Amino acid sequence: MEELLLSESEYKLMNIIWDNAPIESGKLVKLCEANLTWKKSTTYTMLKRLCTKNIVTNKDSVVEYVIPREKVQKVESKHLIDRSFGGSLPAFVSAFLGGSKITEGEADELIELIEKYKNNNER
């Protein structure tokens, strides 16, 4: 799973790919120039890294993702919680909220998520 941990630059490029795939590599270069102020060489260097990690493919100048955004987010979130909070989700939530207020709707949504996953674990 370590290969799914992305650098900040890789993640920025992946967001463009996820939002536009499949995309011709030339069009991807133009989007990176416009949105990230990257040069063509930078885009291709980053693209090669992602291909090496088997996160994207670049066949016949068409770039497609292999790994969906949600899977990368899950791996990166778990890595953050494991590294920074000893794997404790409650410690993460406590630090994340840090005394700030949440709306009633946000609280209801969190409770609903907890109940959903709690019920899934009981099966």
PDB file of N, CA and C in Angstrom:
ATOM      1  N   MET A   1       0.808  -1.212   0.000  1.00  0.00           N
ATOM      2  CA  MET A   1       0.000   0.000   0.000  1.00  0.00           C
ATOM      3  C   MET A   1       0.848   1.272   0.000  1.00  0.00           C
ATOM      4  N   GLU A   2       2.111   1.125   0.385  1.00  0.00           N
ATOM      5  CA  GLU A   2       3.008   2.280   0.444  1.00  0.00           C
ATOM      6  C   GLU A   2       3.066   3.005  -0.896  1.00  0.00           C
ATOM      7  N   GLU A   3       2.938   2.251  -2.005  1.00  0.00           N
ATOM      8  CA  GLU A   3       3.005   2.870  -3.331  1.00  0.00           C
ATOM      9  C   GLU A   3       1.810   3.784  -3.606  1.00  0.00           C
ATOM     10  N   LEU A   4       0.742   3.665  -2.824  1.00  0.00           N
ATOM     11  CA  LEU A   4      -0.413   4.537  -3.022  1.00  0.00           C
ATOM     12  C   LEU A   4      -0.279   5.860  -2.279  1.00  0.00           C
ATOM     13  N   LEU A   5       0.775   6.017  -1.479  1.00  0.00           N
ATOM     14  CA  LEU A   5       1.017   7.301  -0.832  1.00  0.00           C
ATOM     15  C   LEU A   5       1.656   8.223  -1.864  1.00  0.00           C
ATOM     16  N   LEU A   6       1.015   9.347  -2.096  1.00  0.00           N
ATOM     17  CA  LEU A   6       1.445  10.261  -3.152  1.00  0.00           C
ATOM     18  C   LEU A   6       2.085  11.509  -2.572  1.00  0.00           C
ATOM     19  N   SER A   7       3.049  12.046  -3.304  1.00  0.00           N
ATOM     20  CA  SER A   7       3.599  13.353  -2.945  1.00  0.00           C
ATOM     21  C   SER A   7       2.528  14.407  -3.240  1.00  0.00           C
ATOM     22  N   GLU A   8       2.739  15.589  -2.740  1.00  0.00           N
ATOM     23  CA  GLU A   8       1.785  16.681  -2.984  1.00  0.00           C
ATOM     24  C   GLU A   8       1.613  16.930  -4.481  1.00  0.00           C
ATOM     25  N   SER A   9       2.711  16.944  -5.214  1.00  0.00           N
ATOM     26  CA  SER A   9       2.652  17.179  -6.662  1.00  0.00           C
ATOM     27  C   SER A   9       1.945  16.041  -7.388  1.00  0.00           C
ATOM     28  N   GLU A  10       2.236  14.807  -6.985  1.00  0.00           N
ATOM     29  CA  GLU A  10       1.555  13.662  -7.599  1.00  0.00           C
ATOM     30  C   GLU A  10       0.053  13.736  -7.355  1.00  0.00           C
ATOM     31  N   TYR A  11      -0.322  14.136  -6.138  1.00  0.00           N
ATOM     32  CA  TYR A  11      -1.743  14.228  -5.797  1.00  0.00           C
ATOM     33  C   TYR A  11      -2.442  15.313  -6.625  1.00  0.00           C
ATOM     34  N   LYS A  12      -1.771  16.435  -6.827  1.00  0.00           N
ATOM     35  CA  LYS A  12      -2.347  17.505  -7.657  1.00  0.00           C
ATOM     36  C   LYS A  12      -2.578  17.019  -9.081  1.00  0.00           C
ATOM     37  N   LEU A  13      -1.604  16.311  -9.626  1.00  0.00           N
ATOM     38  CA  LEU A  13      -1.754  15.770 -10.975  1.00  0.00           C
ATOM     39  C   LEU A  13      -2.869  14.730 -11.017  1.00  0.00           C
ATOM     40  N   MET A  14      -2.922  13.887 -10.007  1.00  0.00           N
ATOM     41  CA  MET A  14      -3.972  12.863  -9.979  1.00  0.00           C
ATOM     42  C   MET A  14      -5.363  13.485  -9.934  1.00  0.00           C
ATOM     43  N   ASN A  15      -5.526  14.577  -9.218  1.00  0.00           N
ATOM     44  CA  ASN A  15      -6.841  15.225  -9.185  1.00  0.00           C
ATOM     45  C   ASN A  15      -7.271  15.656 -10.583  1.00  0.00           C
ATOM     46  N   ILE A  16      -6.335  16.160 -11.361  1.00  0.00           N
ATOM     47  CA  ILE A  16      -6.653  16.545 -12.739  1.00  0.00           C
ATOM     48  C   ILE A  16      -6.999  15.308 -13.562  1.00  0.00           C
ATOM     49  N   ILE A  17      -6.238  14.242 -13.381  1.00  0.00           N
ATOM     50  CA  ILE A  17      -6.506  13.007 -14.123  1.00  0.00           C
ATOM     51  C   ILE A  17      -7.850  12.419 -13.712  1.00  0.00           C
ATOM     52  N   TRP A  18      -8.108  12.316 -12.413  1.00  0.00           N
ATOM     53  CA  TRP A  18      -9.392  11.768 -11.948  1.00  0.00           C
ATOM     54  C   TRP A  18     -10.572  12.567 -12.494  1.00  0.00           C
ATOM     55  N   ASP A  19     -10.419  13.869 -12.556  1.00  0.00           N
ATOM     56  CA  ASP A  19     -11.518  14.726 -13.022  1.00  0.00           C
ATOM     57  C   ASP A  19     -11.713  14.691 -14.532  1.00  0.00           C
ATOM     58  N   ASN A  20     -10.714  14.238 -15.291  1.00  0.00           N
ATOM     59  CA  ASN A  20     -10.780  14.350 -16.752  1.00  0.00           C
ATOM     60  C   ASN A  20     -10.537  13.045 -17.514  1.00  0.00           C
ATOM     61  N   ALA A  21     -10.252  11.969 -16.833  1.00  0.00           N
ATOM     62  CA  ALA A  21      -9.900  10.707 -17.513  1.00  0.00           C
ATOM     63  C   ALA A  21     -11.090  10.108 -18.256  1.00  0.00           C
ATOM     64  N   PRO A  22     -10.822   9.441 -19.361  1.00  0.00           N
ATOM     65  CA  PRO A  22      -9.533   9.364 -20.037  1.00  0.00           C
ATOM     66  C   PRO A  22      -9.211  10.695 -20.720  1.00  0.00           C
ATOM     67  N   ILE A  23      -7.927  11.019 -20.752  1.00  0.00           N
ATOM     68  CA  ILE A  23      -7.501  12.305 -21.306  1.00  0.00           C
ATOM     69  C   ILE A  23      -6.234  12.113 -22.138  1.00  0.00           C
ATOM     70  N   GLU A  24      -6.192  12.785 -23.271  1.00  0.00           N
ATOM     71  CA  GLU A  24      -4.986  12.740 -24.107  1.00  0.00           C
ATOM     72  C   GLU A  24      -3.859  13.445 -23.363  1.00  0.00           C
ATOM     73  N   SER A  25      -2.657  12.900 -23.476  1.00  0.00           N
ATOM     74  CA  SER A  25      -1.529  13.452 -22.723  1.00  0.00           C
ATOM     75  C   SER A  25      -1.248  14.910 -23.089  1.00  0.00           C
ATOM     76  N   GLY A  26      -1.447  15.286 -24.344  1.00  0.00           N
ATOM     77  CA  GLY A  26      -1.249  16.680 -24.745  1.00  0.00           C
ATOM     78  C   GLY A  26      -2.227  17.620 -24.057  1.00  0.00           C
ATOM     79  N   LYS A  27      -3.469  17.169 -23.921  1.00  0.00           N
ATOM     80  CA  LYS A  27      -4.474  17.976 -23.220  1.00  0.00           C
ATOM     81  C   LYS A  27      -4.144  18.048 -21.729  1.00  0.00           C
ATOM     82  N   LEU A  28      -3.630  16.957 -21.182  1.00  0.00           N
ATOM     83  CA  LEU A  28      -3.221  16.946 -19.777  1.00  0.00           C
ATOM     84  C   LEU A  28      -2.105  17.964 -19.541  1.00  0.00           C
ATOM     85  N   VAL A  29      -1.158  18.025 -20.456  1.00  0.00           N
ATOM     86  CA  VAL A  29      -0.066  19.006 -20.355  1.00  0.00           C
ATOM     87  C   VAL A  29      -0.643  20.418 -20.312  1.00  0.00           C
ATOM     88  N   LYS A  30      -1.608  20.702 -21.180  1.00  0.00           N
ATOM     89  CA  LYS A  30      -2.215  22.042 -21.209  1.00  0.00           C
ATOM     90  C   LYS A  30      -2.967  22.350 -19.918  1.00  0.00           C
ATOM     91  N   LEU A  31      -3.683  21.368 -19.374  1.00  0.00           N
ATOM     92  CA  LEU A  31      -4.384  21.575 -18.103  1.00  0.00           C
ATOM     93  C   LEU A  31      -3.395  21.827 -16.963  1.00  0.00           C
ATOM     94  N   CYS A  32      -2.284  21.112 -16.971  1.00  0.00           N
ATOM     95  CA  CYS A  32      -1.267  21.313 -15.929  1.00  0.00           C
ATOM     96  C   CYS A  32      -0.586  22.674 -16.067  1.00  0.00           C
ATOM     97  N   GLU A  33      -0.377  23.114 -17.305  1.00  0.00           N
ATOM     98  CA  GLU A  33       0.174  24.462 -17.517  1.00  0.00           C
ATOM     99  C   GLU A  33      -0.787  25.510 -16.967  1.00  0.00           C
ATOM    100  N   ALA A  34      -2.067  25.344 -17.254  1.00  0.00           N
ATOM    101  CA  ALA A  34      -3.069  26.329 -16.842  1.00  0.00           C
ATOM    102  C   ALA A  34      -3.345  26.297 -15.340  1.00  0.00           C
ATOM    103  N   ASN A  35      -3.452  25.104 -14.765  1.00  0.00           N
ATOM    104  CA  ASN A  35      -3.871  24.981 -13.367  1.00  0.00           C
ATOM    105  C   ASN A  35      -2.729  24.903 -12.365  1.00  0.00           C
ATOM    106  N   LEU A  36      -1.586  24.387 -12.789  1.00  0.00           N
ATOM    107  CA  LEU A  36      -0.476  24.184 -11.863  1.00  0.00           C
ATOM    108  C   LEU A  36       0.769  24.977 -12.246  1.00  0.00           C
ATOM    109  N   THR A  37       0.710  25.684 -13.356  1.00  0.00           N
ATOM    110  CA  THR A  37       1.844  26.422 -13.939  1.00  0.00           C
ATOM    111  C   THR A  37       3.067  25.521 -14.133  1.00  0.00           C
ATOM    112  N   TRP A  38       2.805  24.273 -14.530  1.00  0.00           N
ATOM    113  CA  TRP A  38       3.879  23.323 -14.802  1.00  0.00           C
ATOM    114  C   TRP A  38       4.292  23.412 -16.256  1.00  0.00           C
ATOM    115  N   LYS A  39       5.563  23.136 -16.495  1.00  0.00           N
ATOM    116  CA  LYS A  39       6.063  23.004 -17.859  1.00  0.00           C
ATOM    117  C   LYS A  39       5.760  21.588 -18.342  1.00  0.00           C
ATOM    118  N   LYS A  40       5.824  21.419 -19.642  1.00  0.00           N
ATOM    119  CA  LYS A  40       5.561  20.117 -20.259  1.00  0.00           C
ATOM    120  C   LYS A  40       6.437  19.028 -19.634  1.00  0.00           C
ATOM    121  N   SER A  41       7.717  19.331 -19.447  1.00  0.00           N
ATOM    122  CA  SER A  41       8.647  18.328 -18.904  1.00  0.00           C
ATOM    123  C   SER A  41       8.258  17.904 -17.485  1.00  0.00           C
ATOM    124  N   THR A  42       7.773  18.849 -16.685  1.00  0.00           N
ATOM    125  CA  THR A  42       7.349  18.532 -15.320  1.00  0.00           C
ATOM    126  C   THR A  42       6.164  17.579 -15.346  1.00  0.00           C
ATOM    127  N   THR A  43       5.196  17.876 -16.202  1.00  0.00           N
ATOM    128  CA  THR A  43       4.013  17.018 -16.299  1.00  0.00           C
ATOM    129  C   THR A  43       4.409  15.603 -16.693  1.00  0.00           C
ATOM    130  N   TYR A  44       5.276  15.478 -17.694  1.00  0.00           N
ATOM    131  CA  TYR A  44       5.670  14.140 -18.138  1.00  0.00           C
ATOM    132  C   TYR A  44       6.516  13.407 -17.095  1.00  0.00           C
ATOM    133  N   THR A  45       7.330  14.136 -16.348  1.00  0.00           N
ATOM    134  CA  THR A  45       8.105  13.512 -15.268  1.00  0.00           C
ATOM    135  C   THR A  45       7.173  12.958 -14.196  1.00  0.00           C
ATOM    136  N   MET A  46       6.193  13.761 -13.799  1.00  0.00           N
ATOM    137  CA  MET A  46       5.241  13.326 -12.777  1.00  0.00           C
ATOM    138  C   MET A  46       4.374  12.179 -13.298  1.00  0.00           C
ATOM    139  N   LEU A  47       3.993  12.259 -14.553  1.00  0.00           N
ATOM    140  CA  LEU A  47       3.181  11.208 -15.167  1.00  0.00           C
ATOM    141  C   LEU A  47       3.950   9.883 -15.181  1.00  0.00           C
ATOM    142  N   LYS A  48       5.237   9.962 -15.483  1.00  0.00           N
ATOM    143  CA  LYS A  48       6.063   8.748 -15.498  1.00  0.00           C
ATOM    144  C   LYS A  48       6.127   8.123 -14.107  1.00  0.00           C
ATOM    145  N   ARG A  49       6.249   8.951 -13.076  1.00  0.00           N
ATOM    146  CA  ARG A  49       6.264   8.435 -11.698  1.00  0.00           C
ATOM    147  C   ARG A  49       4.975   7.683 -11.387  1.00  0.00           C
ATOM    148  N   LEU A  50       3.851   8.275 -11.784  1.00  0.00           N
ATOM    149  CA  LEU A  50       2.555   7.644 -11.513  1.00  0.00           C
ATOM    150  C   LEU A  50       2.384   6.351 -12.303  1.00  0.00           C
ATOM    151  N   CYS A  51       2.918   6.313 -13.507  1.00  0.00           N
ATOM    152  CA  CYS A  51       2.887   5.076 -14.307  1.00  0.00           C
ATOM    153  C   CYS A  51       3.741   4.000 -13.644  1.00  0.00           C
ATOM    154  N   THR A  52       4.910   4.388 -13.131  1.00  0.00           N
ATOM    155  CA  THR A  52       5.804   3.447 -12.457  1.00  0.00           C
ATOM    156  C   THR A  52       5.138   2.858 -11.216  1.00  0.00           C
ATOM    157  N   LYS A  53       4.336   3.667 -10.527  1.00  0.00           N
ATOM    158  CA  LYS A  53       3.610   3.201  -9.341  1.00  0.00           C
ATOM    159  C   LYS A  53       2.340   2.427  -9.712  1.00  0.00           C
ATOM    160  N   ASN A  54       2.078   2.302 -11.015  1.00  0.00           N
ATOM    161  CA  ASN A  54       0.869   1.619 -11.520  1.00  0.00           C
ATOM    162  C   ASN A  54      -0.424   2.266 -11.027  1.00  0.00           C
ATOM    163  N   ILE A  55      -0.398   3.579 -10.902  1.00  0.00           N
ATOM    164  CA  ILE A  55      -1.587   4.327 -10.505  1.00  0.00           C
ATOM    165  C   ILE A  55      -2.314   4.835 -11.739  1.00  0.00           C
ATOM    166  N   VAL A  56      -1.567   5.078 -12.814  1.00  0.00           N
ATOM    167  CA  VAL A  56      -2.150   5.487 -14.097  1.00  0.00           C
ATOM    168  C   VAL A  56      -1.503   4.683 -15.220  1.00  0.00           C
ATOM    169  N   THR A  57      -2.165   4.707 -16.373  1.00  0.00           N
ATOM    170  CA  THR A  57      -1.571   4.169 -17.595  1.00  0.00           C
ATOM    171  C   THR A  57      -1.522   5.293 -18.619  1.00  0.00           C
ATOM    172  N   ASN A  58      -0.555   5.187 -19.529  1.00  0.00           N
ATOM    173  CA  ASN A  58      -0.432   6.147 -20.623  1.00  0.00           C
ATOM    174  C   ASN A  58      -0.195   5.331 -21.891  1.00  0.00           C
ATOM    175  N   LYS A  59      -1.293   4.926 -22.520  1.00  0.00           N
ATOM    176  CA  LYS A  59      -1.203   4.099 -23.724  1.00  0.00           C
ATOM    177  C   LYS A  59      -1.714   4.890 -24.915  1.00  0.00           C
ATOM    178  N   ASP A  60      -0.932   4.894 -25.979  1.00  0.00           N
ATOM    179  CA  ASP A  60      -1.292   5.619 -27.201  1.00  0.00           C
ATOM    180  C   ASP A  60      -1.625   7.076 -26.896  1.00  0.00           C
ATOM    181  N   SER A  61      -0.856   7.669 -25.984  1.00  0.00           N
ATOM    182  CA  SER A  61      -1.008   9.077 -25.579  1.00  0.00           C
ATOM    183  C   SER A  61      -2.346   9.376 -24.911  1.00  0.00           C
ATOM    184  N   VAL A  62      -2.972   8.348 -24.342  1.00  0.00           N
ATOM    185  CA  VAL A  62      -4.204   8.540 -23.571  1.00  0.00           C
ATOM    186  C   VAL A  62      -3.932   8.091 -22.137  1.00  0.00           C
ATOM    187  N   VAL A  63      -4.173   9.007 -21.211  1.00  0.00           N
ATOM    188  CA  VAL A  63      -3.918   8.747 -19.796  1.00  0.00           C
ATOM    189  C   VAL A  63      -5.225   8.346 -19.114  1.00  0.00           C
ATOM    190  N   GLU A  64      -5.161   7.239 -18.383  1.00  0.00           N
ATOM    191  CA  GLU A  64      -6.308   6.778 -17.595  1.00  0.00           C
ATOM    192  C   GLU A  64      -5.809   6.375 -16.219  1.00  0.00           C
ATOM    193  N   TYR A  65      -6.678   6.534 -15.223  1.00  0.00           N
ATOM    194  CA  TYR A  65      -6.273   6.096 -13.889  1.00  0.00           C
ATOM    195  C   TYR A  65      -6.604   4.624 -13.709  1.00  0.00           C
ATOM    196  N   VAL A  66      -5.780   3.964 -12.923  1.00  0.00           N
ATOM    197  CA  VAL A  66      -5.978   2.566 -12.565  1.00  0.00           C
ATOM    198  C   VAL A  66      -6.579   2.496 -11.162  1.00  0.00           C
ATOM    199  N   ILE A  67      -6.111   3.369 -10.302  1.00  0.00           N
ATOM    200  CA  ILE A  67      -6.549   3.401  -8.903  1.00  0.00           C
ATOM    201  C   ILE A  67      -7.519   4.567  -8.717  1.00  0.00           C
ATOM    202  N   PRO A  68      -8.741   4.305  -8.235  1.00  0.00           N
ATOM    203  CA  PRO A  68      -9.700   5.397  -8.033  1.00  0.00           C
ATOM    204  C   PRO A  68      -9.306   6.315  -6.867  1.00  0.00           C
ATOM    205  N   ARG A  69      -9.801   7.519  -6.927  1.00  0.00           N
ATOM    206  CA  ARG A  69      -9.518   8.547  -5.918  1.00  0.00           C
ATOM    207  C   ARG A  69      -9.825   8.040  -4.503  1.00  0.00           C
ATOM    208  N   GLU A  70     -10.965   7.373  -4.347  1.00  0.00           N
ATOM    209  CA  GLU A  70     -11.403   6.920  -3.024  1.00  0.00           C
ATOM    210  C   GLU A  70     -10.405   5.952  -2.393  1.00  0.00           C
ATOM    211  N   LYS A  71      -9.796   5.101  -3.204  1.00  0.00           N
ATOM    212  CA  LYS A  71      -8.825   4.143  -2.666  1.00  0.00           C
ATOM    213  C   LYS A  71      -7.570   4.863  -2.184  1.00  0.00           C
ATOM    214  N   VAL A  72      -7.091   5.830  -2.949  1.00  0.00           N
ATOM    215  CA  VAL A  72      -5.914   6.605  -2.536  1.00  0.00           C
ATOM    216  C   VAL A  72      -6.240   7.393  -1.269  1.00  0.00           C
ATOM    217  N   GLN A  73      -7.417   8.008  -1.214  1.00  0.00           N
ATOM    218  CA  GLN A  73      -7.810   8.770  -0.028  1.00  0.00           C
ATOM    219  C   GLN A  73      -7.863   7.873   1.206  1.00  0.00           C
ATOM    220  N   LYS A  74      -8.387   6.665   1.031  1.00  0.00           N
ATOM    221  CA  LYS A  74      -8.486   5.737   2.161  1.00  0.00           C
ATOM    222  C   LYS A  74      -7.101   5.359   2.675  1.00  0.00           C
ATOM    223  N   VAL A  75      -6.191   5.020   1.770  1.00  0.00           N
ATOM    224  CA  VAL A  75      -4.833   4.632   2.164  1.00  0.00           C
ATOM    225  C   VAL A  75      -4.114   5.799   2.832  1.00  0.00           C
ATOM    226  N   GLU A  76      -4.232   6.989   2.251  1.00  0.00           N
ATOM    227  CA  GLU A  76      -3.544   8.150   2.822  1.00  0.00           C
ATOM    228  C   GLU A  76      -4.133   8.535   4.180  1.00  0.00           C
ATOM    229  N   SER A  77      -5.448   8.442   4.327  1.00  0.00           N
ATOM    230  CA  SER A  77      -6.088   8.752   5.608  1.00  0.00           C
ATOM    231  C   SER A  77      -5.642   7.770   6.685  1.00  0.00           C
ATOM    232  N   LYS A  78      -5.632   6.494   6.344  1.00  0.00           N
ATOM    233  CA  LYS A  78      -5.200   5.467   7.302  1.00  0.00           C
ATOM    234  C   LYS A  78      -3.744   5.695   7.699  1.00  0.00           C
ATOM    235  N   HIS A  79      -2.907   6.035   6.731  1.00  0.00           N
ATOM    236  CA  HIS A  79      -1.492   6.302   7.011  1.00  0.00           C
ATOM    237  C   HIS A  79      -1.343   7.476   7.987  1.00  0.00           C
ATOM    238  N   LEU A  80      -2.098   8.541   7.760  1.00  0.00           N
ATOM    239  CA  LEU A  80      -2.054   9.709   8.645  1.00  0.00           C
ATOM    240  C   LEU A  80      -2.482   9.338  10.061  1.00  0.00           C
ATOM    241  N   ILE A  81      -3.579   8.614  10.188  1.00  0.00           N
ATOM    242  CA  ILE A  81      -4.084   8.227  11.512  1.00  0.00           C
ATOM    243  C   ILE A  81      -3.098   7.293  12.208  1.00  0.00           C
ATOM    244  N   ASP A  82      -2.550   6.335  11.471  1.00  0.00           N
ATOM    245  CA  ASP A  82      -1.577   5.411  12.064  1.00  0.00           C
ATOM    246  C   ASP A  82      -0.323   6.146  12.521  1.00  0.00           C
ATOM    247  N   ARG A  83       0.195   7.023  11.660  1.00  0.00           N
ATOM    248  CA  ARG A  83       1.460   7.710  11.945  1.00  0.00           C
ATOM    249  C   ARG A  83       1.306   8.766  13.033  1.00  0.00           C
ATOM    250  N   SER A  84       0.259   9.566  12.947  1.00  0.00           N
ATOM    251  CA  SER A  84       0.136  10.720  13.837  1.00  0.00           C
ATOM    252  C   SER A  84      -0.676  10.463  15.098  1.00  0.00           C
ATOM    253  N   PHE A  85      -1.540   9.439  15.064  1.00  0.00           N
ATOM    254  CA  PHE A  85      -2.446   9.222  16.193  1.00  0.00           C
ATOM    255  C   PHE A  85      -2.412   7.784  16.697  1.00  0.00           C
ATOM    256  N   GLY A  86      -1.338   7.065  16.374  1.00  0.00           N
ATOM    257  CA  GLY A  86      -1.197   5.693  16.849  1.00  0.00           C
ATOM    258  C   GLY A  86      -2.326   4.782  16.411  1.00  0.00           C
ATOM    259  N   GLY A  87      -2.951   5.112  15.289  1.00  0.00           N
ATOM    260  CA  GLY A  87      -4.045   4.295  14.770  1.00  0.00           C
ATOM    261  C   GLY A  87      -5.386   4.560  15.432  1.00  0.00           C
ATOM    262  N   SER A  88      -5.454   5.571  16.295  1.00  0.00           N
ATOM    263  CA  SER A  88      -6.689   5.859  17.035  1.00  0.00           C
ATOM    264  C   SER A  88      -7.579   6.848  16.282  1.00  0.00           C
ATOM    265  N   LEU A  89      -8.697   6.350  15.787  1.00  0.00           N
ATOM    266  CA  LEU A  89      -9.658   7.217  15.103  1.00  0.00           C
ATOM    267  C   LEU A  89     -10.251   8.255  16.058  1.00  0.00           C
ATOM    268  N   PRO A  90     -10.632   7.873  17.303  1.00  0.00           N
ATOM    269  CA  PRO A  90     -11.135   8.896  18.231  1.00  0.00           C
ATOM    270  C   PRO A  90     -10.116  10.009  18.507  1.00  0.00           C
ATOM    271  N   ALA A  91      -8.833   9.660  18.617  1.00  0.00           N
ATOM    272  CA  ALA A  91      -7.803  10.689  18.839  1.00  0.00           C
ATOM    273  C   ALA A  91      -7.716  11.619  17.639  1.00  0.00           C
ATOM    274  N   PHE A  92      -7.842  11.056  16.433  1.00  0.00           N
ATOM    275  CA  PHE A  92      -7.823  11.879  15.222  1.00  0.00           C
ATOM    276  C   PHE A  92      -9.008  12.839  15.205  1.00  0.00           C
ATOM    277  N   VAL A  93     -10.215  12.320  15.453  1.00  0.00           N
ATOM    278  CA  VAL A  93     -11.421  13.157  15.417  1.00  0.00           C
ATOM    279  C   VAL A  93     -11.319  14.260  16.461  1.00  0.00           C
ATOM    280  N   SER A  94     -10.844  13.917  17.657  1.00  0.00           N
ATOM    281  CA  SER A  94     -10.689  14.909  18.718  1.00  0.00           C
ATOM    282  C   SER A  94      -9.714  16.009  18.308  1.00  0.00           C
ATOM    283  N   ALA A  95      -8.587  15.617  17.728  1.00  0.00           N
ATOM    284  CA  ALA A  95      -7.600  16.608  17.278  1.00  0.00           C
ATOM    285  C   ALA A  95      -8.140  17.430  16.121  1.00  0.00           C
ATOM    286  N   PHE A  96      -8.851  16.778  15.218  1.00  0.00           N
ATOM    287  CA  PHE A  96      -9.397  17.464  14.051  1.00  0.00           C
ATOM    288  C   PHE A  96     -10.406  18.528  14.470  1.00  0.00           C
ATOM    289  N   LEU A  97     -11.289  18.166  15.385  1.00  0.00           N
ATOM    290  CA  LEU A  97     -12.286  19.134  15.839  1.00  0.00           C
ATOM    291  C   LEU A  97     -11.640  20.194  16.721  1.00  0.00           C
ATOM    292  N   GLY A  98     -10.715  19.806  17.559  1.00  0.00           N
ATOM    293  CA  GLY A  98      -9.928  20.731  18.365  1.00  0.00           C
ATOM    294  C   GLY A  98     -10.725  21.827  19.039  1.00  0.00           C
ATOM    295  N   GLY A  99     -11.859  21.500  19.596  1.00  0.00           N
ATOM    296  CA  GLY A  99     -12.665  22.490  20.287  1.00  0.00           C
ATOM    297  C   GLY A  99     -13.528  23.343  19.382  1.00  0.00           C
ATOM    298  N   SER A 100     -13.431  23.149  18.079  1.00  0.00           N
ATOM    299  CA  SER A 100     -14.272  23.937  17.174  1.00  0.00           C
ATOM    300  C   SER A 100     -15.683  23.364  17.145  1.00  0.00           C
ATOM    301  N   LYS A 101     -16.608  24.198  16.783  1.00  0.00           N
ATOM    302  CA  LYS A 101     -18.010  23.781  16.747  1.00  0.00           C
ATOM    303  C   LYS A 101     -18.333  23.169  15.393  1.00  0.00           C
ATOM    304  N   ILE A 102     -19.253  22.210  15.409  1.00  0.00           N
ATOM    305  CA  ILE A 102     -19.777  21.660  14.165  1.00  0.00           C
ATOM    306  C   ILE A 102     -21.276  21.891  14.160  1.00  0.00           C
ATOM    307  N   THR A 103     -21.826  21.945  12.969  1.00  0.00           N
ATOM    308  CA  THR A 103     -23.263  22.178  12.859  1.00  0.00           C
ATOM    309  C   THR A 103     -24.021  20.920  13.274  1.00  0.00           C
ATOM    310  N   GLU A 104     -25.282  21.099  13.551  1.00  0.00           N
ATOM    311  CA  GLU A 104     -26.124  19.954  13.903  1.00  0.00           C
ATOM    312  C   GLU A 104     -26.182  18.961  12.742  1.00  0.00           C
ATOM    313  N   GLY A 105     -26.219  19.485  11.521  1.00  0.00           N
ATOM    314  CA  GLY A 105     -26.238  18.623  10.339  1.00  0.00           C
ATOM    315  C   GLY A 105     -24.963  17.800  10.219  1.00  0.00           C
ATOM    316  N   GLU A 106     -23.813  18.432  10.495  1.00  0.00           N
ATOM    317  CA  GLU A 106     -22.541  17.698  10.448  1.00  0.00           C
ATOM    318  C   GLU A 106     -22.498  16.620  11.528  1.00  0.00           C
ATOM    319  N   ALA A 107     -22.992  16.964  12.722  1.00  0.00           N
ATOM    320  CA  ALA A 107     -23.028  15.983  13.815  1.00  0.00           C
ATOM    321  C   ALA A 107     -23.923  14.803  13.445  1.00  0.00           C
ATOM    322  N   ASP A 108     -25.085  15.098  12.867  1.00  0.00           N
ATOM    323  CA  ASP A 108     -26.000  14.027  12.447  1.00  0.00           C
ATOM    324  C   ASP A 108     -25.362  13.139  11.387  1.00  0.00           C
ATOM    325  N   GLU A 109     -24.647  13.764  10.458  1.00  0.00           N
ATOM    326  CA  GLU A 109     -23.987  13.003   9.395  1.00  0.00           C
ATOM    327  C   GLU A 109     -22.901  12.087   9.967  1.00  0.00           C
ATOM    328  N   LEU A 110     -22.138  12.597  10.935  1.00  0.00           N
ATOM    329  CA  LEU A 110     -21.107  11.773  11.575  1.00  0.00           C
ATOM    330  C   LEU A 110     -21.727  10.610  12.343  1.00  0.00           C
ATOM    331  N   ILE A 111     -22.802  10.881  13.066  1.00  0.00           N
ATOM    332  CA  ILE A 111     -23.491   9.818  13.810  1.00  0.00           C
ATOM    333  C   ILE A 111     -24.021   8.760  12.852  1.00  0.00           C
ATOM    334  N   GLU A 112     -24.583   9.202  11.741  1.00  0.00           N
ATOM    335  CA  GLU A 112     -25.104   8.274  10.733  1.00  0.00           C
ATOM    336  C   GLU A 112     -23.985   7.397  10.160  1.00  0.00           C
ATOM    337  N   LEU A 113     -22.839   8.008   9.877  1.00  0.00           N
ATOM    338  CA  LEU A 113     -21.693   7.240   9.372  1.00  0.00           C
ATOM    339  C   LEU A 113     -21.216   6.209  10.390  1.00  0.00           C
ATOM    340  N   ILE A 114     -21.116   6.630  11.644  1.00  0.00           N
ATOM    341  CA  ILE A 114     -20.669   5.715  12.696  1.00  0.00           C
ATOM    342  C   ILE A 114     -21.638   4.548  12.825  1.00  0.00           C
ATOM    343  N   GLU A 115     -22.929   4.828  12.831  1.00  0.00           N
ATOM    344  CA  GLU A 115     -23.936   3.765  12.934  1.00  0.00           C
ATOM    345  C   GLU A 115     -23.856   2.815  11.743  1.00  0.00           C
ATOM    346  N   LYS A 116     -23.655   3.365  10.559  1.00  0.00           N
ATOM    347  CA  LYS A 116     -23.559   2.541   9.347  1.00  0.00           C
ATOM    348  C   LYS A 116     -22.389   1.565   9.456  1.00  0.00           C
ATOM    349  N   TYR A 117     -21.217   2.078   9.829  1.00  0.00           N
ATOM    350  CA  TYR A 117     -20.037   1.224   9.912  1.00  0.00           C
ATOM    351  C   TYR A 117     -20.074   0.312  11.129  1.00  0.00           C
ATOM    352  N   LYS A 118     -20.692   0.766  12.198  1.00  0.00           N
ATOM    353  CA  LYS A 118     -20.859  -0.071  13.387  1.00  0.00           C
ATOM    354  C   LYS A 118     -21.725  -1.277  13.034  1.00  0.00           C
ATOM    355  N   ASN A 119     -22.817  -1.045  12.315  1.00  0.00           N
ATOM    356  CA  ASN A 119     -23.711  -2.127  11.908  1.00  0.00           C
ATOM    357  C   ASN A 119     -23.033  -3.074  10.928  1.00  0.00           C
ATOM    358  N   ASN A 120     -22.176  -2.556  10.045  1.00  0.00           N
ATOM    359  CA  ASN A 120     -21.441  -3.412   9.102  1.00  0.00           C
ATOM    360  C   ASN A 120     -20.480  -4.338   9.828  1.00  0.00           C
ATOM    361  N   ASN A 121     -19.887  -3.868  10.925  1.00  0.00           N
ATOM    362  CA  ASN A 121     -18.935  -4.683  11.679  1.00  0.00           C
ATOM    363  C   ASN A 121     -19.618  -5.769  12.495  1.00  0.00           C
ATOM    364  N   GLU A 122     -20.910  -5.616  12.761  1.00  0.00           N
ATOM    365  CA  GLU A 122     -21.637  -6.597  13.562  1.00  0.00           C
ATOM    366  C   GLU A 122     -22.026  -7.821  12.756  1.00  0.00           C
ATOM    367  N   ARG A 123     -21.901  -7.771  11.452  1.00  0.00           N
ATOM    368  CA  ARG A 123     -22.303  -8.893  10.595  1.00  0.00           C
ATOM    369  C   ARG A 123     -21.237  -9.930  10.481  1.00  0.00           C
TER     370      ARG A 123
END
